[in-house]
C-alpha atoms as a PDB file:
ATOM      1  CA  UNK A   1    -110.585 133.795 -35.351  1.00  0.00           C
ATOM      2  CA  UNK A   2    -110.211 130.044 -35.855  1.00  0.00           C
ATOM      3  CA  UNK A   3    -106.686 128.807 -36.620  1.00  0.00           C
ATOM      4  CA  UNK A   4    -106.427 126.117 -39.276  1.00  0.00           C
ATOM      5  CA  UNK A   5    -103.743 123.467 -39.518  1.00  0.00           C
ATOM      6  CA  UNK A   6    -101.528 123.282 -42.589  1.00  0.00           C
ATOM      7  CA  UNK A   7    -103.478 120.225 -43.750  1.00  0.00           C
ATOM      8  CA  UNK A   8    -106.806 122.076 -43.421  1.00  0.00           C
ATOM      9  CA  UNK A   9    -105.396 125.050 -45.292  1.00  0.00           C
ATOM     10  CA  UNK A  10    -104.149 122.797 -48.101  1.00  0.00           C
ATOM     11  CA  UNK A  11    -107.506 121.024 -48.421  1.00  0.00           C
ATOM     12  CA  UNK A  12    -109.282 124.387 -48.440  1.00  0.00           C
ATOM     13  CA  UNK A  13    -106.898 125.642 -51.152  1.00  0.00           C
ATOM     14  CA  UNK A  14    -107.393 122.483 -53.245  1.00  0.00           C
ATOM     15  CA  UNK A  15    -111.190 122.635 -52.912  1.00  0.00           C
ATOM     16  CA  UNK A  16    -111.323 126.338 -53.777  1.00  0.00           C
ATOM     17  CA  UNK A  17    -108.981 126.180 -56.759  1.00  0.00           C
ATOM     18  CA  UNK A  18    -109.785 122.686 -58.054  1.00  0.00           C
ATOM     19  CA  UNK A  19    -106.056 122.080 -58.442  1.00  0.00           C
ATOM     20  CA  UNK A  20    -104.475 118.855 -57.198  1.00  0.00           C
ATOM     21  CA  UNK A  21    -100.650 118.933 -57.490  1.00  0.00           C
ATOM     22  CA  UNK A  22     -99.335 116.582 -60.184  1.00  0.00           C
ATOM     23  CA  UNK A  23     -96.493 115.258 -58.017  1.00  0.00           C
ATOM     24  CA  UNK A  24     -99.063 114.033 -55.478  1.00  0.00           C
ATOM     25  CA  UNK A  25    -100.722 111.874 -58.149  1.00  0.00           C
ATOM     26  CA  UNK A  26     -97.616 109.801 -58.729  1.00  0.00           C
ATOM     27  CA  UNK A  27     -96.633 106.748 -56.748  1.00  0.00           C
ATOM     28  CA  UNK A  28     -93.996 104.068 -56.663  1.00  0.00           C
ATOM     29  CA  UNK A  29     -95.126 100.457 -57.032  1.00  0.00           C
ATOM     30  CA  UNK A  30     -93.407  97.642 -55.213  1.00  0.00           C
ATOM     31  CA  UNK A  31     -94.209  94.082 -56.214  1.00  0.00           C
ATOM     32  CA  UNK A  32     -94.024  91.762 -53.210  1.00  0.00           C
ATOM     33  CA  UNK A  33     -94.048  88.018 -53.760  1.00  0.00           C
ATOM     34  CA  UNK A  34     -97.018  86.317 -52.103  1.00  0.00           C
ATOM     35  CA  UNK A  35     -95.956  83.712 -49.544  1.00  0.00           C
ATOM     36  CA  UNK A  36     -95.596  80.092 -50.664  1.00  0.00           C
ATOM     37  CA  UNK A  37     -96.283  80.834 -54.340  1.00  0.00           C
ATOM     38  CA  UNK A  38     -94.025  80.276 -57.328  1.00  0.00           C
ATOM     39  CA  UNK A  39     -92.522  83.583 -58.526  1.00  0.00           C
ATOM     40  CA  UNK A  40     -93.278  83.091 -62.223  1.00  0.00           C
ATOM     41  CA  UNK A  41     -96.805  84.388 -63.015  1.00  0.00           C
ATOM     42  CA  UNK A  42     -97.564  88.051 -62.404  1.00  0.00           C
ATOM     43  CA  UNK A  43    -100.471  86.996 -60.148  1.00  0.00           C
ATOM     44  CA  UNK A  44     -97.856  85.664 -57.700  1.00  0.00           C
ATOM     45  CA  UNK A  45     -97.070  89.224 -56.659  1.00  0.00           C
ATOM     46  CA  UNK A  46     -98.967  91.682 -54.499  1.00  0.00           C
ATOM     47  CA  UNK A  47     -98.570  95.311 -55.648  1.00  0.00           C
ATOM     48  CA  UNK A  48     -97.972  97.920 -52.963  1.00  0.00           C
ATOM     49  CA  UNK A  49     -98.412 101.595 -53.921  1.00  0.00           C
ATOM     50  CA  UNK A  50     -96.216 104.077 -52.090  1.00  0.00           C
ATOM     51  CA  UNK A  51     -97.733 107.540 -52.361  1.00  0.00           C
ATOM     52  CA  UNK A  52     -96.880 110.962 -51.038  1.00  0.00           C
ATOM     53  CA  UNK A  53     -97.723 110.915 -47.309  1.00  0.00           C
ATOM     54  CA  UNK A  54     -99.460 114.285 -47.289  1.00  0.00           C
ATOM     55  CA  UNK A  55    -101.645 113.102 -50.185  1.00  0.00           C
ATOM     56  CA  UNK A  56    -103.135 110.287 -48.081  1.00  0.00           C
ATOM     57  CA  UNK A  57    -103.824 112.701 -45.259  1.00  0.00           C
ATOM     58  CA  UNK A  58    -105.435 115.153 -47.679  1.00  0.00           C
ATOM     59  CA  UNK A  59    -107.551 112.392 -49.259  1.00  0.00           C
ATOM     60  CA  UNK A  60    -108.962 111.510 -45.852  1.00  0.00           C
ATOM     61  CA  UNK A  61    -109.719 115.137 -45.015  1.00  0.00           C
ATOM     62  CA  UNK A  62    -111.125 115.782 -48.510  1.00  0.00           C
ATOM     63  CA  UNK A  63    -113.500 112.787 -48.347  1.00  0.00           C
ATOM     64  CA  UNK A  64    -114.605 113.679 -44.817  1.00  0.00           C
ATOM     65  CA  UNK A  65    -115.340 117.264 -45.840  1.00  0.00           C
ATOM     66  CA  UNK A  66    -117.267 116.159 -48.940  1.00  0.00           C
ATOM     67  CA  UNK A  67    -119.422 113.854 -46.830  1.00  0.00           C
ATOM     68  CA  UNK A  68    -120.048 116.483 -44.168  1.00  0.00           C
ATOM     69  CA  UNK A  69    -120.863 119.321 -46.567  1.00  0.00           C
ATOM     70  CA  UNK A  70    -122.698 117.484 -49.344  1.00  0.00           C
ATOM     71  CA  UNK A  71    -123.939 114.184 -47.809  1.00  0.00           C
ATOM     72  CA  UNK A  72    -123.171 112.152 -50.939  1.00  0.00           C
ATOM     73  CA  UNK A  73    -123.428 108.681 -49.418  1.00  0.00           C
ATOM     74  CA  UNK A  74    -126.538 106.560 -49.225  1.00  0.00           C
ATOM     75  CA  UNK A  75    -127.787 105.288 -45.880  1.00  0.00           C
ATOM     76  CA  UNK A  76    -126.323 101.824 -46.448  1.00  0.00           C
ATOM     77  CA  UNK A  77    -122.908 102.858 -47.784  1.00  0.00           C
ATOM     78  CA  UNK A  78    -120.274 101.253 -45.562  1.00  0.00           C
ATOM     79  CA  UNK A  79    -116.941 102.025 -47.187  1.00  0.00           C
ATOM     80  CA  UNK A  80    -115.290 105.396 -46.621  1.00  0.00           C
ATOM     81  CA  UNK A  81    -117.389 105.952 -43.501  1.00  0.00           C
ATOM     82  CA  UNK A  82    -116.242 105.830 -39.900  1.00  0.00           C
ATOM     83  CA  UNK A  83    -117.855 103.195 -37.676  1.00  0.00           C
ATOM     84  CA  UNK A  84    -119.173 101.210 -40.688  1.00  0.00           C
ATOM     85  CA  UNK A  85    -117.728  98.007 -42.094  1.00  0.00           C
ATOM     86  CA  UNK A  86    -118.531  95.014 -44.296  1.00  0.00           C
ATOM     87  CA  UNK A  87    -119.838  93.150 -41.243  1.00  0.00           C
ATOM     88  CA  UNK A  88    -122.686  95.690 -40.986  1.00  0.00           C
ATOM     89  CA  UNK A  89    -123.730  94.876 -44.549  1.00  0.00           C
ATOM     90  CA  UNK A  90    -123.520  91.120 -43.917  1.00  0.00           C
ATOM     91  CA  UNK A  91    -125.683  91.489 -40.809  1.00  0.00           C
ATOM     92  CA  UNK A  92    -128.196  93.587 -42.755  1.00  0.00           C
ATOM     93  CA  UNK A  93    -128.328  90.969 -45.530  1.00  0.00           C
ATOM     94  CA  UNK A  94    -128.679  88.081 -43.042  1.00  0.00           C
ATOM     95  CA  UNK A  95    -131.540  89.870 -41.257  1.00  0.00           C
ATOM     96  CA  UNK A  96    -133.336  90.538 -44.549  1.00  0.00           C
ATOM     97  CA  UNK A  97    -133.029  86.888 -45.593  1.00  0.00           C
ATOM     98  CA  UNK A  98    -134.249  85.696 -42.170  1.00  0.00           C
ATOM     99  CA  UNK A  99    -137.224  88.082 -42.226  1.00  0.00           C
ATOM    100  CA  UNK A 100    -138.291  86.963 -45.692  1.00  0.00           C
ATOM    101  CA  UNK A 101    -137.766  83.296 -44.822  1.00  0.00           C
ATOM    102  CA  UNK A 102    -139.879  83.587 -41.662  1.00  0.00           C
ATOM    103  CA  UNK A 103    -142.746  85.378 -43.430  1.00  0.00           C
ATOM    104  CA  UNK A 104    -142.581  83.108 -46.501  1.00  0.00           C
ATOM    105  CA  UNK A 105    -142.415  86.206 -48.702  1.00  0.00           C
ATOM    106  CA  UNK A 106    -140.744  85.573 -52.035  1.00  0.00           C
ATOM    107  CA  UNK A 107    -137.255  87.023 -52.159  1.00  0.00           C
ATOM    108  CA  UNK A 108    -134.368  87.398 -54.530  1.00  0.00           C
ATOM    109  CA  UNK A 109    -130.750  88.444 -54.174  1.00  0.00           C
ATOM    110  CA  UNK A 110    -128.499  89.891 -56.843  1.00  0.00           C
ATOM    111  CA  UNK A 111    -124.767  90.040 -56.186  1.00  0.00           C
ATOM    112  CA  UNK A 112    -122.420  92.129 -58.303  1.00  0.00           C
ATOM    113  CA  UNK A 113    -118.656  91.918 -58.398  1.00  0.00           C
ATOM    114  CA  UNK A 114    -117.387  95.475 -58.768  1.00  0.00           C
ATOM    115  CA  UNK A 115    -113.690  94.682 -58.791  1.00  0.00           C
ATOM    116  CA  UNK A 116    -111.795  97.450 -60.550  1.00  0.00           C
ATOM    117  CA  UNK A 117    -115.059  99.376 -60.920  1.00  0.00           C
ATOM    118  CA  UNK A 118    -113.383 102.762 -60.588  1.00  0.00           C
ATOM    119  CA  UNK A 119    -110.990 101.924 -63.426  1.00  0.00           C
ATOM    120  CA  UNK A 120    -114.022 101.559 -65.699  1.00  0.00           C
ATOM    121  CA  UNK A 121    -115.971 104.652 -64.615  1.00  0.00           C
ATOM    122  CA  UNK A 122    -117.471 106.560 -67.504  1.00  0.00           C
ATOM    123  CA  UNK A 123    -116.071 110.004 -66.730  1.00  0.00           C
ATOM    124  CA  UNK A 124    -118.832 111.865 -68.580  1.00  0.00           C
ATOM    125  CA  UNK A 125    -121.444 110.237 -66.339  1.00  0.00           C
ATOM    126  CA  UNK A 126    -119.359 110.910 -63.230  1.00  0.00           C
ATOM    127  CA  UNK A 127    -119.168 114.576 -64.210  1.00  0.00           C
ATOM    128  CA  UNK A 128    -122.937 114.687 -64.747  1.00  0.00           C
ATOM    129  CA  UNK A 129    -123.599 113.094 -61.347  1.00  0.00           C
ATOM    130  CA  UNK A 130    -121.288 115.506 -59.567  1.00  0.00           C
ATOM    131  CA  UNK A 131    -123.099 118.410 -61.239  1.00  0.00           C
ATOM    132  CA  UNK A 132    -126.456 116.813 -60.364  1.00  0.00           C
ATOM    133  CA  UNK A 133    -125.446 116.934 -56.668  1.00  0.00           C
ATOM    134  CA  UNK A 134    -124.835 120.668 -57.185  1.00  0.00           C
ATOM    135  CA  UNK A 135    -121.226 120.523 -56.068  1.00  0.00           C
ATOM    136  CA  UNK A 136    -119.228 123.683 -56.689  1.00  0.00           C
ATOM    137  CA  UNK A 137    -117.319 123.637 -59.974  1.00  0.00           C
ATOM    138  CA  UNK A 138    -113.989 123.815 -58.115  1.00  0.00           C
ATOM    139  CA  UNK A 139    -114.817 120.607 -56.220  1.00  0.00           C
ATOM    140  CA  UNK A 140    -115.804 118.895 -59.490  1.00  0.00           C
ATOM    141  CA  UNK A 141    -112.552 120.081 -61.109  1.00  0.00           C
ATOM    142  CA  UNK A 142    -110.597 118.751 -58.135  1.00  0.00           C
ATOM    143  CA  UNK A 143    -112.238 115.302 -58.368  1.00  0.00           C
ATOM    144  CA  UNK A 144    -111.657 115.120 -62.121  1.00  0.00           C
ATOM    145  CA  UNK A 145    -108.113 116.468 -61.723  1.00  0.00           C
ATOM    146  CA  UNK A 146    -107.347 113.840 -59.079  1.00  0.00           C
END
């Protein structure tokens, strides 16, 4: 019989029940003044979120398990994946531009700024997409609960 760590047991419990403890959703915000900036406008401060330590550990395990079990990421997704970074995407973009330039093929690039994108997620659509991936209802509840 395989022995699971406390963290693995907690993630398993959360995934099976769809319940994410309320106290783990709270955080304390510290506003640190950016160096060499006047302290008057709010933009002069850098917010730091202090969260429950076990929550961060569980988030990492939860995301890893979702990726392993359900393969939700596209081939070119770099964030939230080990051994991938922004540099990979920049190299991919540079290669594509070079290839099109060398072959004289017409090309176009569209850049989107998705700052604060998660804050503006339409939750109904997110729910539909999670169901479309055929995730278990407890996993969907856990994501929406989080």
